[in-house]
Amino acid sequence: MTTLKEKLEAFREDFETNKAPAEALKVMHGATQALRDSGIMEKTIKLGDKMPEFALTNQDGDTVSLSEKLAKGPLVVSFFRGVWCPYCNIELEHLGAAADEIRAAGGDLVVISPQTQQFAQKSHKDRALTCDVLVDAGNAYANELGTVFRLPEDLEKLYAGFGIDMPMYNGDDSWTLPMPLRAVIDTDGVVRYLDINPDYTVRPEVTDTVAVLKSLTATKV
């Protein structure tokens, strides 16, 4: 089976070699490097921290809370940028494929983005997900985790030129996004696995996340 890393790298190579103009790549790479250099990683939630409570609506408009999920078992939480991001969509497919294995191990999975309920529904349907796709309006929850940043003006213009209408997708004109984040939260609310990356083209393997979850549930037996 092709790994998530292999799929992401293949997509990126094709995009950068065959599709994206050199000037666009310069803007995109520059924005990623600027985010790395910004010091944002020093301010994010850390491994071993307590995960803040959330109560967010899902793709159907129902409220889902962290405490409600943790009452049933550990939770995999994954933040993505939106339905418009191909790297996120590739990751969601891999997460979705692991959902049954996660549940069989006694855990659960939620994915979170700043997009509106309409586009949360689209992500849920297009990726054939069986987990909740939660709406973090205005990146309010991601902001608690320290992962939110504003797109530089040149990248904002580039995305708009690509037809990525962020105000439409997110329901606000802040042009802010969360860095991709994946965490495993134990039943005490403690972050037991954490991956945050300023480079949105890189995501951790889902198999690694599932292995951590299984180690938590195995200790309960």
N, C-alpha and C. Protein backbone atom coordinates (compact mmCIF):
# COMPACT_ATOMS: atom_id res chain seq x y z
N MET A 1 0.84 -1.20 0.00
CA MET A 1 0.00 0.00 0.00
C MET A 1 0.87 1.26 0.00
N THR A 2 0.50 2.21 -0.81
CA THR A 2 1.23 3.47 -0.88
C THR A 2 1.07 4.24 0.43
N THR A 3 2.18 4.72 0.97
CA THR A 3 2.11 5.45 2.23
C THR A 3 1.59 6.87 1.98
N LEU A 4 1.17 7.50 3.05
CA LEU A 4 0.72 8.89 2.96
C LEU A 4 1.85 9.78 2.47
N LYS A 5 3.04 9.56 3.00
CA LYS A 5 4.21 10.35 2.58
C LYS A 5 4.44 10.23 1.08
N GLU A 6 4.36 9.00 0.56
CA GLU A 6 4.59 8.78 -0.87
C GLU A 6 3.54 9.49 -1.72
N LYS A 7 2.29 9.43 -1.29
CA LYS A 7 1.23 10.10 -2.05
C LYS A 7 1.40 11.61 -2.05
N LEU A 8 1.72 12.15 -0.89
CA LEU A 8 1.92 13.60 -0.78
C LEU A 8 3.11 14.06 -1.62
N GLU A 9 4.20 13.31 -1.56
CA GLU A 9 5.39 13.68 -2.31
C GLU A 9 5.14 13.59 -3.82
N ALA A 10 4.38 12.58 -4.24
CA ALA A 10 4.08 12.42 -5.67
C ALA A 10 3.22 13.58 -6.15
N PHE A 11 2.23 13.97 -5.34
CA PHE A 11 1.39 15.10 -5.73
C PHE A 11 2.22 16.38 -5.80
N ARG A 12 3.05 16.59 -4.80
CA ARG A 12 3.84 17.83 -4.77
C ARG A 12 4.80 17.89 -5.96
N GLU A 13 5.44 16.77 -6.27
CA GLU A 13 6.38 16.75 -7.40
C GLU A 13 5.67 17.08 -8.71
N ASP A 14 4.50 16.50 -8.91
CA ASP A 14 3.74 16.76 -10.14
C ASP A 14 3.30 18.23 -10.20
N PHE A 15 2.81 18.73 -9.08
CA PHE A 15 2.35 20.12 -9.03
C PHE A 15 3.49 21.10 -9.31
N GLU A 16 4.62 20.88 -8.65
CA GLU A 16 5.73 21.83 -8.76
C GLU A 16 6.47 21.69 -10.09
N THR A 17 6.45 20.49 -10.68
CA THR A 17 7.17 20.27 -11.93
C THR A 17 6.33 20.61 -13.15
N ASN A 18 5.05 20.27 -13.09
CA ASN A 18 4.22 20.34 -14.30
C ASN A 18 3.12 21.41 -14.29
N LYS A 19 2.81 21.97 -13.12
CA LYS A 19 1.62 22.83 -13.06
C LYS A 19 1.87 24.24 -12.56
N ALA A 20 2.64 24.38 -11.52
CA ALA A 20 2.79 25.70 -10.89
C ALA A 20 3.88 26.53 -11.57
N PRO A 21 3.59 27.79 -11.88
CA PRO A 21 4.63 28.69 -12.41
C PRO A 21 5.72 28.92 -11.36
N ALA A 22 6.93 29.19 -11.83
CA ALA A 22 8.06 29.39 -10.93
C ALA A 22 7.81 30.52 -9.94
N GLU A 23 7.17 31.59 -10.40
CA GLU A 23 6.91 32.73 -9.52
C GLU A 23 5.95 32.34 -8.40
N ALA A 24 4.96 31.49 -8.73
CA ALA A 24 4.01 31.03 -7.71
C ALA A 24 4.72 30.18 -6.67
N LEU A 25 5.61 29.30 -7.13
CA LEU A 25 6.35 28.45 -6.19
C LEU A 25 7.23 29.29 -5.27
N LYS A 26 7.80 30.35 -5.81
CA LYS A 26 8.63 31.24 -4.99
C LYS A 26 7.82 31.84 -3.86
N VAL A 27 6.60 32.28 -4.17
CA VAL A 27 5.72 32.86 -3.15
C VAL A 27 5.33 31.81 -2.11
N MET A 28 4.96 30.62 -2.57
CA MET A 28 4.50 29.56 -1.66
C MET A 28 5.62 29.08 -0.76
N HIS A 29 6.79 28.82 -1.34
CA HIS A 29 7.92 28.37 -0.54
C HIS A 29 8.37 29.46 0.44
N GLY A 30 8.32 30.70 -0.03
CA GLY A 30 8.71 31.81 0.84
C GLY A 30 7.79 31.96 2.03
N ALA A 31 6.49 31.75 1.80
CA ALA A 31 5.52 31.85 2.90
C ALA A 31 5.73 30.75 3.93
N THR A 32 6.03 29.54 3.45
CA THR A 32 6.29 28.43 4.37
C THR A 32 7.53 28.69 5.21
N GLN A 33 8.58 29.20 4.56
CA GLN A 33 9.81 29.49 5.30
C GLN A 33 9.59 30.62 6.30
N ALA A 34 8.82 31.62 5.91
CA ALA A 34 8.53 32.73 6.83
C ALA A 34 7.77 32.25 8.05
N LEU A 35 6.86 31.30 7.84
CA LEU A 35 6.11 30.75 8.97
C LEU A 35 7.04 29.97 9.90
N ARG A 36 7.95 29.20 9.32
CA ARG A 36 8.94 28.48 10.13
C ARG A 36 9.76 29.45 10.97
N ASP A 37 10.13 30.57 10.35
CA ASP A 37 11.02 31.53 11.01
C ASP A 37 10.29 32.46 11.98
N SER A 38 8.97 32.38 12.01
CA SER A 38 8.18 33.34 12.78
C SER A 38 8.20 33.09 14.29
N GLY A 39 8.64 31.90 14.69
CA GLY A 39 8.61 31.54 16.10
C GLY A 39 7.28 30.96 16.55
N ILE A 40 6.38 30.71 15.62
CA ILE A 40 5.05 30.21 15.97
C ILE A 40 5.10 28.87 16.70
N MET A 41 6.09 28.03 16.34
CA MET A 41 6.16 26.70 16.95
C MET A 41 6.47 26.77 18.45
N GLU A 42 7.06 27.87 18.89
CA GLU A 42 7.37 28.02 20.32
C GLU A 42 6.11 28.27 21.15
N LYS A 43 5.03 28.67 20.48
CA LYS A 43 3.82 29.07 21.19
C LYS A 43 2.69 28.05 21.10
N THR A 44 2.93 26.95 20.41
CA THR A 44 1.86 25.97 20.23
C THR A 44 1.71 25.06 21.44
N ILE A 45 0.59 24.36 21.48
CA ILE A 45 0.40 23.32 22.48
C ILE A 45 1.52 22.30 22.36
N LYS A 46 1.89 21.66 23.46
CA LYS A 46 3.02 20.74 23.47
C LYS A 46 2.59 19.34 23.94
N LEU A 47 3.41 18.37 23.59
CA LEU A 47 3.21 17.00 24.07
C LEU A 47 3.18 17.01 25.59
N GLY A 48 2.19 16.34 26.18
CA GLY A 48 2.05 16.30 27.63
C GLY A 48 1.13 17.36 28.20
N ASP A 49 0.76 18.35 27.37
CA ASP A 49 -0.19 19.38 27.81
C ASP A 49 -1.60 18.80 27.90
N LYS A 50 -2.44 19.50 28.62
CA LYS A 50 -3.86 19.17 28.65
C LYS A 50 -4.52 19.82 27.43
N MET A 51 -5.29 19.03 26.70
CA MET A 51 -5.99 19.56 25.53
C MET A 51 -7.16 20.41 26.00
N PRO A 52 -7.28 21.64 25.54
CA PRO A 52 -8.43 22.47 25.95
C PRO A 52 -9.75 21.85 25.50
N GLU A 53 -10.78 22.07 26.28
CA GLU A 53 -12.11 21.58 25.91
C GLU A 53 -12.58 22.26 24.63
N PHE A 54 -13.34 21.53 23.84
CA PHE A 54 -14.02 22.16 22.71
C PHE A 54 -15.47 21.71 22.69
N ALA A 55 -16.31 22.52 22.10
CA ALA A 55 -17.70 22.18 21.80
C ALA A 55 -17.99 22.82 20.45
N LEU A 56 -17.84 22.01 19.40
CA LEU A 56 -17.93 22.50 18.03
C LEU A 56 -19.05 21.78 17.29
N THR A 57 -19.63 22.45 16.31
CA THR A 57 -20.66 21.78 15.51
C THR A 57 -20.00 20.94 14.42
N ASN A 58 -20.69 19.84 14.09
CA ASN A 58 -20.16 18.97 13.03
C ASN A 58 -20.83 19.28 11.70
N GLN A 59 -20.58 18.43 10.73
CA GLN A 59 -21.10 18.65 9.38
C GLN A 59 -22.63 18.66 9.33
N ASP A 60 -23.28 18.08 10.32
CA ASP A 60 -24.74 18.05 10.36
C ASP A 60 -25.34 19.11 11.26
N GLY A 61 -24.47 19.93 11.88
CA GLY A 61 -24.95 20.97 12.78
C GLY A 61 -25.11 20.53 14.22
N ASP A 62 -24.70 19.29 14.53
CA ASP A 62 -24.77 18.79 15.91
C ASP A 62 -23.52 19.19 16.68
N THR A 63 -23.68 19.49 17.96
CA THR A 63 -22.54 19.88 18.79
C THR A 63 -21.80 18.66 19.30
N VAL A 64 -20.49 18.69 19.15
CA VAL A 64 -19.62 17.60 19.60
C VAL A 64 -18.60 18.21 20.55
N SER A 65 -18.43 17.61 21.72
CA SER A 65 -17.46 18.15 22.69
C SER A 65 -16.33 17.16 22.93
N LEU A 66 -15.20 17.70 23.33
CA LEU A 66 -14.05 16.85 23.65
C LEU A 66 -14.37 15.94 24.83
N SER A 67 -14.97 16.49 25.88
CA SER A 67 -15.25 15.68 27.07
C SER A 67 -16.21 14.54 26.76
N GLU A 68 -17.16 14.80 25.88
CA GLU A 68 -18.10 13.75 25.47
C GLU A 68 -17.36 12.62 24.75
N LYS A 69 -16.42 12.97 23.89
CA LYS A 69 -15.65 11.96 23.17
C LYS A 69 -14.74 11.17 24.11
N LEU A 70 -14.06 11.90 25.02
CA LEU A 70 -13.09 11.24 25.91
C LEU A 70 -13.76 10.35 26.94
N ALA A 71 -15.05 10.58 27.19
CA ALA A 71 -15.78 9.70 28.11
C ALA A 71 -15.89 8.29 27.56
N LYS A 72 -15.68 8.16 26.25
CA LYS A 72 -15.81 6.85 25.59
C LYS A 72 -14.46 6.22 25.25
N GLY A 73 -13.39 7.03 25.29
CA GLY A 73 -12.08 6.49 24.94
C GLY A 73 -11.17 7.58 24.41
N PRO A 74 -9.91 7.25 24.12
CA PRO A 74 -8.98 8.25 23.59
C PRO A 74 -9.41 8.73 22.21
N LEU A 75 -8.90 9.89 21.83
CA LEU A 75 -9.37 10.55 20.62
C LEU A 75 -8.20 11.00 19.74
N VAL A 76 -8.32 10.72 18.46
CA VAL A 76 -7.42 11.29 17.46
C VAL A 76 -8.05 12.58 16.95
N VAL A 77 -7.31 13.67 17.05
CA VAL A 77 -7.78 14.98 16.58
C VAL A 77 -6.86 15.43 15.45
N SER A 78 -7.44 15.79 14.32
CA SER A 78 -6.64 16.23 13.18
C SER A 78 -7.20 17.53 12.62
N PHE A 79 -6.35 18.55 12.55
CA PHE A 79 -6.73 19.83 11.94
C PHE A 79 -6.30 19.86 10.49
N PHE A 80 -7.20 20.32 9.62
CA PHE A 80 -6.83 20.50 8.22
C PHE A 80 -7.27 21.87 7.75
N ARG A 81 -6.77 22.29 6.59
CA ARG A 81 -6.97 23.66 6.12
C ARG A 81 -8.33 23.86 5.47
N GLY A 82 -8.76 22.90 4.67
CA GLY A 82 -10.07 23.04 4.03
C GLY A 82 -10.22 22.13 2.84
N VAL A 83 -11.43 22.09 2.33
CA VAL A 83 -11.78 21.22 1.21
C VAL A 83 -11.00 21.58 -0.06
N TRP A 84 -10.50 22.79 -0.12
CA TRP A 84 -9.77 23.30 -1.29
C TRP A 84 -8.31 22.86 -1.32
N CYS A 85 -7.82 22.28 -0.23
CA CYS A 85 -6.39 21.93 -0.11
C CYS A 85 -6.16 20.47 -0.50
N PRO A 86 -5.48 20.20 -1.61
CA PRO A 86 -5.29 18.81 -2.05
C PRO A 86 -4.47 17.97 -1.08
N TYR A 87 -3.52 18.58 -0.39
CA TYR A 87 -2.72 17.84 0.58
C TYR A 87 -3.60 17.37 1.74
N CYS A 88 -4.50 18.24 2.17
CA CYS A 88 -5.45 17.88 3.23
C CYS A 88 -6.36 16.74 2.78
N ASN A 89 -6.81 16.80 1.54
CA ASN A 89 -7.72 15.78 1.04
C ASN A 89 -7.05 14.42 0.97
N ILE A 90 -5.79 14.39 0.59
CA ILE A 90 -5.04 13.13 0.58
C ILE A 90 -4.92 12.59 2.00
N GLU A 91 -4.61 13.48 2.95
CA GLU A 91 -4.51 13.05 4.35
C GLU A 91 -5.85 12.54 4.87
N LEU A 92 -6.93 13.24 4.55
CA LEU A 92 -8.26 12.83 5.02
C LEU A 92 -8.63 11.45 4.51
N GLU A 93 -8.24 11.14 3.28
CA GLU A 93 -8.52 9.81 2.75
C GLU A 93 -7.82 8.73 3.57
N HIS A 94 -6.58 8.98 3.96
CA HIS A 94 -5.83 8.01 4.77
C HIS A 94 -6.41 7.92 6.18
N LEU A 95 -6.78 9.05 6.75
CA LEU A 95 -7.41 9.02 8.08
C LEU A 95 -8.74 8.28 8.02
N GLY A 96 -9.53 8.57 6.99
CA GLY A 96 -10.82 7.91 6.85
C GLY A 96 -10.68 6.41 6.71
N ALA A 97 -9.64 5.98 5.99
CA ALA A 97 -9.42 4.55 5.80
C ALA A 97 -9.03 3.86 7.11
N ALA A 98 -8.50 4.64 8.06
CA ALA A 98 -8.08 4.07 9.35
C ALA A 98 -9.16 4.18 10.43
N ALA A 99 -10.30 4.79 10.10
CA ALA A 99 -11.32 5.07 11.12
C ALA A 99 -11.82 3.80 11.80
N ASP A 100 -12.05 2.74 11.03
CA ASP A 100 -12.54 1.49 11.62
C ASP A 100 -11.50 0.89 12.56
N GLU A 101 -10.24 0.95 12.16
CA GLU A 101 -9.16 0.43 13.00
C GLU A 101 -9.05 1.23 14.29
N ILE A 102 -9.22 2.54 14.19
CA ILE A 102 -9.18 3.40 15.37
C ILE A 102 -10.30 3.03 16.34
N ARG A 103 -11.49 2.83 15.80
CA ARG A 103 -12.63 2.48 16.65
C ARG A 103 -12.48 1.08 17.23
N ALA A 104 -11.95 0.17 16.45
CA ALA A 104 -11.74 -1.20 16.93
C ALA A 104 -10.76 -1.22 18.10
N ALA A 105 -9.87 -0.24 18.13
CA ALA A 105 -8.89 -0.14 19.22
C ALA A 105 -9.45 0.60 20.42
N GLY A 106 -10.71 1.02 20.34
CA GLY A 106 -11.35 1.68 21.47
C GLY A 106 -11.28 3.18 21.44
N GLY A 107 -10.83 3.75 20.33
CA GLY A 107 -10.72 5.20 20.22
C GLY A 107 -11.72 5.77 19.24
N ASP A 108 -11.54 7.04 18.92
CA ASP A 108 -12.39 7.71 17.94
C ASP A 108 -11.56 8.77 17.24
N LEU A 109 -12.14 9.37 16.21
CA LEU A 109 -11.45 10.33 15.37
C LEU A 109 -12.35 11.51 15.07
N VAL A 110 -11.81 12.72 15.16
CA VAL A 110 -12.49 13.91 14.65
C VAL A 110 -11.49 14.70 13.82
N VAL A 111 -12.00 15.37 12.78
CA VAL A 111 -11.16 16.27 11.99
C VAL A 111 -11.79 17.66 12.07
N ILE A 112 -10.95 18.68 12.10
CA ILE A 112 -11.40 20.04 12.38
C ILE A 112 -10.81 21.00 11.35
N SER A 113 -11.63 21.93 10.86
CA SER A 113 -11.13 22.98 9.97
C SER A 113 -11.94 24.25 10.20
N PRO A 114 -11.44 25.38 9.69
CA PRO A 114 -12.19 26.64 9.86
C PRO A 114 -13.30 26.83 8.85
N GLN A 115 -13.48 25.90 7.93
CA GLN A 115 -14.49 26.10 6.89
C GLN A 115 -15.91 25.98 7.47
N THR A 116 -16.86 26.58 6.78
CA THR A 116 -18.25 26.60 7.24
C THR A 116 -18.87 25.21 7.18
N GLN A 117 -20.05 25.08 7.78
CA GLN A 117 -20.72 23.78 7.80
C GLN A 117 -20.96 23.24 6.39
N GLN A 118 -21.29 24.12 5.47
CA GLN A 118 -21.52 23.70 4.08
C GLN A 118 -20.31 22.95 3.52
N PHE A 119 -19.13 23.48 3.79
CA PHE A 119 -17.93 22.86 3.24
C PHE A 119 -17.44 21.71 4.12
N ALA A 120 -17.80 21.73 5.41
CA ALA A 120 -17.55 20.56 6.25
C ALA A 120 -18.35 19.37 5.71
N GLN A 121 -19.58 19.63 5.30
CA GLN A 121 -20.40 18.58 4.69
C GLN A 121 -19.76 18.06 3.41
N LYS A 122 -19.21 18.98 2.63
CA LYS A 122 -18.58 18.58 1.37
C LYS A 122 -17.36 17.71 1.62
N SER A 123 -16.53 18.09 2.60
CA SER A 123 -15.37 17.27 2.95
C SER A 123 -15.82 15.88 3.41
N HIS A 124 -16.87 15.85 4.22
CA HIS A 124 -17.39 14.59 4.75
C HIS A 124 -17.86 13.69 3.61
N LYS A 125 -18.58 14.27 2.67
CA LYS A 125 -19.13 13.49 1.56
C LYS A 125 -18.06 13.11 0.54
N ASP A 126 -17.27 14.09 0.12
CA ASP A 126 -16.28 13.85 -0.94
C ASP A 126 -15.23 12.84 -0.53
N ARG A 127 -14.85 12.82 0.74
CA ARG A 127 -13.82 11.90 1.21
C ARG A 127 -14.44 10.64 1.82
N ALA A 128 -15.76 10.52 1.76
CA ALA A 128 -16.49 9.36 2.29
C ALA A 128 -16.10 9.08 3.75
N LEU A 129 -16.08 10.13 4.57
CA LEU A 129 -15.66 10.00 5.96
C LEU A 129 -16.80 9.49 6.83
N THR A 130 -16.45 8.72 7.85
CA THR A 130 -17.43 8.25 8.83
C THR A 130 -17.24 8.94 10.18
N CYS A 131 -16.26 9.83 10.26
CA CYS A 131 -16.01 10.58 11.50
C CYS A 131 -16.65 11.96 11.41
N ASP A 132 -16.70 12.66 12.54
CA ASP A 132 -17.20 14.03 12.56
C ASP A 132 -16.19 14.97 11.91
N VAL A 133 -16.71 15.85 11.06
CA VAL A 133 -15.92 16.96 10.51
C VAL A 133 -16.40 18.21 11.23
N LEU A 134 -15.57 18.75 12.12
CA LEU A 134 -16.00 19.83 13.00
C LEU A 134 -15.64 21.20 12.43
N VAL A 135 -16.49 22.17 12.76
CA VAL A 135 -16.34 23.54 12.27
C VAL A 135 -15.74 24.41 13.37
N ASP A 136 -14.53 24.90 13.12
CA ASP A 136 -13.87 25.81 14.06
C ASP A 136 -13.98 27.23 13.51
N ALA A 137 -15.14 27.83 13.72
CA ALA A 137 -15.44 29.15 13.14
C ALA A 137 -14.42 30.19 13.61
N GLY A 138 -13.86 30.90 12.64
CA GLY A 138 -12.89 31.93 12.96
C GLY A 138 -11.60 31.41 13.56
N ASN A 139 -11.36 30.10 13.44
CA ASN A 139 -10.16 29.47 14.01
C ASN A 139 -10.06 29.69 15.53
N ALA A 140 -11.20 29.83 16.19
CA ALA A 140 -11.19 30.15 17.62
C ALA A 140 -10.51 29.07 18.45
N TYR A 141 -10.82 27.80 18.14
CA TYR A 141 -10.21 26.71 18.93
C TYR A 141 -8.74 26.53 18.55
N ALA A 142 -8.45 26.57 17.26
CA ALA A 142 -7.05 26.46 16.84
C ALA A 142 -6.20 27.57 17.46
N ASN A 143 -6.81 28.73 17.66
CA ASN A 143 -6.09 29.84 18.27
C ASN A 143 -5.69 29.51 19.71
N GLU A 144 -6.55 28.76 20.40
CA GLU A 144 -6.21 28.32 21.76
C GLU A 144 -4.99 27.40 21.76
N LEU A 145 -4.79 26.71 20.65
CA LEU A 145 -3.67 25.77 20.53
C LEU A 145 -2.42 26.44 19.98
N GLY A 146 -2.54 27.71 19.60
CA GLY A 146 -1.39 28.48 19.13
C GLY A 146 -0.95 28.17 17.71
N THR A 147 -1.86 27.64 16.89
CA THR A 147 -1.46 27.19 15.55
C THR A 147 -1.94 28.09 14.42
N VAL A 148 -2.58 29.21 14.74
CA VAL A 148 -3.21 30.05 13.71
C VAL A 148 -2.23 31.11 13.20
N PHE A 149 -2.25 31.31 11.90
CA PHE A 149 -1.42 32.35 11.28
C PHE A 149 -2.20 33.02 10.15
N ARG A 150 -1.81 34.23 9.83
CA ARG A 150 -2.42 34.94 8.71
C ARG A 150 -1.57 34.77 7.47
N LEU A 151 -2.22 34.50 6.35
CA LEU A 151 -1.48 34.35 5.10
C LEU A 151 -0.82 35.67 4.73
N PRO A 152 0.43 35.63 4.27
CA PRO A 152 1.06 36.85 3.76
C PRO A 152 0.27 37.39 2.57
N GLU A 153 0.36 38.68 2.34
CA GLU A 153 -0.45 39.31 1.30
C GLU A 153 -0.18 38.72 -0.08
N ASP A 154 1.09 38.40 -0.38
CA ASP A 154 1.38 37.86 -1.71
C ASP A 154 0.79 36.46 -1.88
N LEU A 155 0.75 35.67 -0.79
CA LEU A 155 0.15 34.34 -0.88
C LEU A 155 -1.38 34.45 -0.95
N GLU A 156 -1.92 35.41 -0.23
CA GLU A 156 -3.36 35.68 -0.30
C GLU A 156 -3.78 35.98 -1.74
N LYS A 157 -3.02 36.83 -2.41
CA LYS A 157 -3.32 37.19 -3.80
C LYS A 157 -3.14 35.99 -4.72
N LEU A 158 -2.12 35.18 -4.44
CA LEU A 158 -1.87 33.99 -5.26
C LEU A 158 -3.02 33.00 -5.14
N TYR A 159 -3.44 32.73 -3.90
CA TYR A 159 -4.56 31.81 -3.69
C TYR A 159 -5.82 32.33 -4.38
N ALA A 160 -6.07 33.62 -4.25
CA ALA A 160 -7.24 34.20 -4.90
C ALA A 160 -7.16 34.01 -6.41
N GLY A 161 -5.95 34.14 -6.95
CA GLY A 161 -5.74 33.93 -8.38
C GLY A 161 -5.96 32.49 -8.79
N PHE A 162 -5.70 31.56 -7.86
CA PHE A 162 -5.95 30.13 -8.11
C PHE A 162 -7.44 29.79 -7.99
N GLY A 163 -8.25 30.78 -7.57
CA GLY A 163 -9.67 30.52 -7.38
C GLY A 163 -10.02 30.04 -5.99
N ILE A 164 -9.08 30.14 -5.05
CA ILE A 164 -9.34 29.74 -3.67
C ILE A 164 -9.92 30.95 -2.94
N ASP A 165 -11.22 30.96 -2.80
CA ASP A 165 -11.94 32.08 -2.17
C ASP A 165 -12.07 31.81 -0.68
N MET A 166 -11.04 32.15 0.07
CA MET A 166 -11.01 31.84 1.50
C MET A 166 -12.17 32.44 2.27
N PRO A 167 -12.55 33.70 2.00
CA PRO A 167 -13.72 34.25 2.71
C PRO A 167 -14.99 33.43 2.47
N MET A 168 -15.14 32.87 1.27
CA MET A 168 -16.30 32.04 1.00
C MET A 168 -16.21 30.73 1.77
N TYR A 169 -15.06 30.08 1.74
CA TYR A 169 -14.91 28.79 2.41
C TYR A 169 -15.06 28.92 3.93
N ASN A 170 -14.48 29.97 4.49
CA ASN A 170 -14.41 30.09 5.95
C ASN A 170 -15.45 31.01 6.55
N GLY A 171 -16.16 31.75 5.72
CA GLY A 171 -17.20 32.62 6.24
C GLY A 171 -16.68 33.86 6.93
N ASP A 172 -15.41 34.20 6.71
CA ASP A 172 -14.86 35.46 7.22
C ASP A 172 -13.73 35.90 6.29
N ASP A 173 -13.31 37.14 6.44
CA ASP A 173 -12.28 37.66 5.53
C ASP A 173 -10.94 37.83 6.23
N SER A 174 -10.69 36.99 7.23
CA SER A 174 -9.45 37.12 8.01
C SER A 174 -8.23 36.56 7.29
N TRP A 175 -8.46 35.67 6.32
CA TRP A 175 -7.37 34.98 5.63
C TRP A 175 -6.40 34.33 6.63
N THR A 176 -6.98 33.72 7.64
CA THR A 176 -6.17 32.99 8.62
C THR A 176 -6.43 31.50 8.47
N LEU A 177 -5.42 30.71 8.80
CA LEU A 177 -5.50 29.25 8.72
C LEU A 177 -4.81 28.64 9.93
N PRO A 178 -5.17 27.40 10.27
CA PRO A 178 -4.40 26.67 11.27
C PRO A 178 -3.29 25.89 10.59
N MET A 179 -2.17 25.73 11.24
CA MET A 179 -1.18 24.77 10.75
C MET A 179 -1.78 23.37 10.89
N PRO A 180 -1.47 22.47 9.97
CA PRO A 180 -1.93 21.09 10.15
C PRO A 180 -1.42 20.53 11.48
N LEU A 181 -2.31 19.89 12.20
CA LEU A 181 -1.99 19.32 13.51
C LEU A 181 -2.66 17.97 13.62
N ARG A 182 -1.95 17.00 14.17
CA ARG A 182 -2.59 15.74 14.53
C ARG A 182 -2.16 15.35 15.94
N ALA A 183 -3.12 14.96 16.76
CA ALA A 183 -2.84 14.63 18.16
C ALA A 183 -3.64 13.40 18.58
N VAL A 184 -3.10 12.69 19.54
CA VAL A 184 -3.85 11.64 20.23
C VAL A 184 -4.02 12.10 21.67
N ILE A 185 -5.27 12.15 22.11
CA ILE A 185 -5.60 12.63 23.45
C ILE A 185 -6.08 11.45 24.29
N ASP A 186 -5.47 11.25 25.46
CA ASP A 186 -5.92 10.13 26.30
C ASP A 186 -7.18 10.53 27.07
N THR A 187 -7.74 9.58 27.81
CA THR A 187 -9.03 9.82 28.46
C THR A 187 -8.95 10.84 29.60
N ASP A 188 -7.73 11.19 30.01
CA ASP A 188 -7.55 12.26 31.00
C ASP A 188 -7.39 13.62 30.33
N GLY A 189 -7.46 13.64 29.00
CA GLY A 189 -7.34 14.90 28.27
C GLY A 189 -5.92 15.32 27.99
N VAL A 190 -4.96 14.41 28.21
CA VAL A 190 -3.55 14.74 28.01
C VAL A 190 -3.12 14.39 26.59
N VAL A 191 -2.33 15.28 25.99
CA VAL A 191 -1.81 15.05 24.64
C VAL A 191 -0.68 14.02 24.71
N ARG A 192 -0.93 12.85 24.14
CA ARG A 192 0.05 11.76 24.21
C ARG A 192 0.82 11.57 22.90
N TYR A 193 0.35 12.18 21.86
CA TYR A 193 1.04 12.17 20.56
C TYR A 193 0.71 13.50 19.90
N LEU A 194 1.71 14.11 19.25
CA LEU A 194 1.46 15.42 18.65
C LEU A 194 2.38 15.65 17.46
N ASP A 195 1.79 16.08 16.37
CA ASP A 195 2.56 16.50 15.20
C ASP A 195 1.97 17.80 14.66
N ILE A 196 2.78 18.84 14.62
CA ILE A 196 2.40 20.13 14.04
C ILE A 196 3.50 20.51 13.07
N ASN A 197 3.13 20.96 11.88
CA ASN A 197 4.16 21.28 10.89
C ASN A 197 3.82 22.57 10.15
N PRO A 198 4.75 23.53 10.13
CA PRO A 198 4.51 24.75 9.36
C PRO A 198 4.42 24.49 7.86
N ASP A 199 4.97 23.35 7.42
CA ASP A 199 4.92 22.97 6.01
C ASP A 199 3.68 22.10 5.77
N TYR A 200 2.66 22.69 5.14
CA TYR A 200 1.38 22.00 4.97
C TYR A 200 1.46 20.83 3.99
N THR A 201 2.58 20.70 3.28
CA THR A 201 2.71 19.59 2.33
C THR A 201 3.22 18.32 3.00
N VAL A 202 3.56 18.41 4.28
CA VAL A 202 4.10 17.26 5.02
C VAL A 202 3.14 16.89 6.14
N ARG A 203 2.77 15.61 6.21
CA ARG A 203 1.87 15.11 7.25
C ARG A 203 2.43 13.81 7.82
N PRO A 204 2.16 13.52 9.09
CA PRO A 204 2.65 12.27 9.68
C PRO A 204 1.88 11.07 9.14
N GLU A 205 2.52 9.91 9.18
CA GLU A 205 1.84 8.69 8.74
C GLU A 205 0.70 8.36 9.71
N VAL A 206 -0.41 7.97 9.17
CA VAL A 206 -1.57 7.60 9.99
C VAL A 206 -1.26 6.35 10.80
N THR A 207 -0.44 5.46 10.25
CA THR A 207 -0.09 4.23 10.97
C THR A 207 0.62 4.55 12.29
N ASP A 208 1.44 5.60 12.31
CA ASP A 208 2.12 5.99 13.55
C ASP A 208 1.12 6.48 14.59
N THR A 209 0.14 7.25 14.14
CA THR A 209 -0.90 7.76 15.04
C THR A 209 -1.71 6.62 15.63
N VAL A 210 -2.09 5.68 14.78
CA VAL A 210 -2.90 4.54 15.23
C VAL A 210 -2.11 3.69 16.22
N ALA A 211 -0.81 3.55 15.99
CA ALA A 211 0.02 2.75 16.90
C ALA A 211 0.03 3.36 18.31
N VAL A 212 0.10 4.69 18.39
CA VAL A 212 0.07 5.35 19.70
C VAL A 212 -1.28 5.12 20.37
N LEU A 213 -2.34 5.27 19.61
CA LEU A 213 -3.69 5.05 20.15
C LEU A 213 -3.82 3.63 20.69
N LYS A 214 -3.34 2.66 19.94
CA LYS A 214 -3.43 1.26 20.37
C LYS A 214 -2.63 1.02 21.64
N SER A 215 -1.50 1.70 21.78
CA SER A 215 -0.70 1.53 22.99
C SER A 215 -1.44 2.06 24.21
N LEU A 216 -2.25 3.10 24.02
CA LEU A 216 -3.03 3.66 25.13
C LEU A 216 -4.15 2.72 25.53
N THR A 217 -4.86 2.19 24.55
CA THR A 217 -6.00 1.33 24.86
C THR A 217 -5.53 -0.03 25.35
N ALA A 218 -4.35 -0.47 24.92
CA ALA A 218 -3.84 -1.77 25.37
C ALA A 218 -3.54 -1.75 26.86
N THR A 219 -3.10 -0.58 27.37
CA THR A 219 -2.77 -0.49 28.80
C THR A 219 -4.01 -0.54 29.68
N LYS A 220 -5.20 -0.35 29.05
CA LYS A 220 -6.44 -0.37 29.81
C LYS A 220 -6.98 -1.79 30.00
N VAL A 221 -6.44 -2.71 29.18
CA VAL A 221 -6.97 -4.08 29.21
C VAL A 221 -6.46 -4.82 30.44
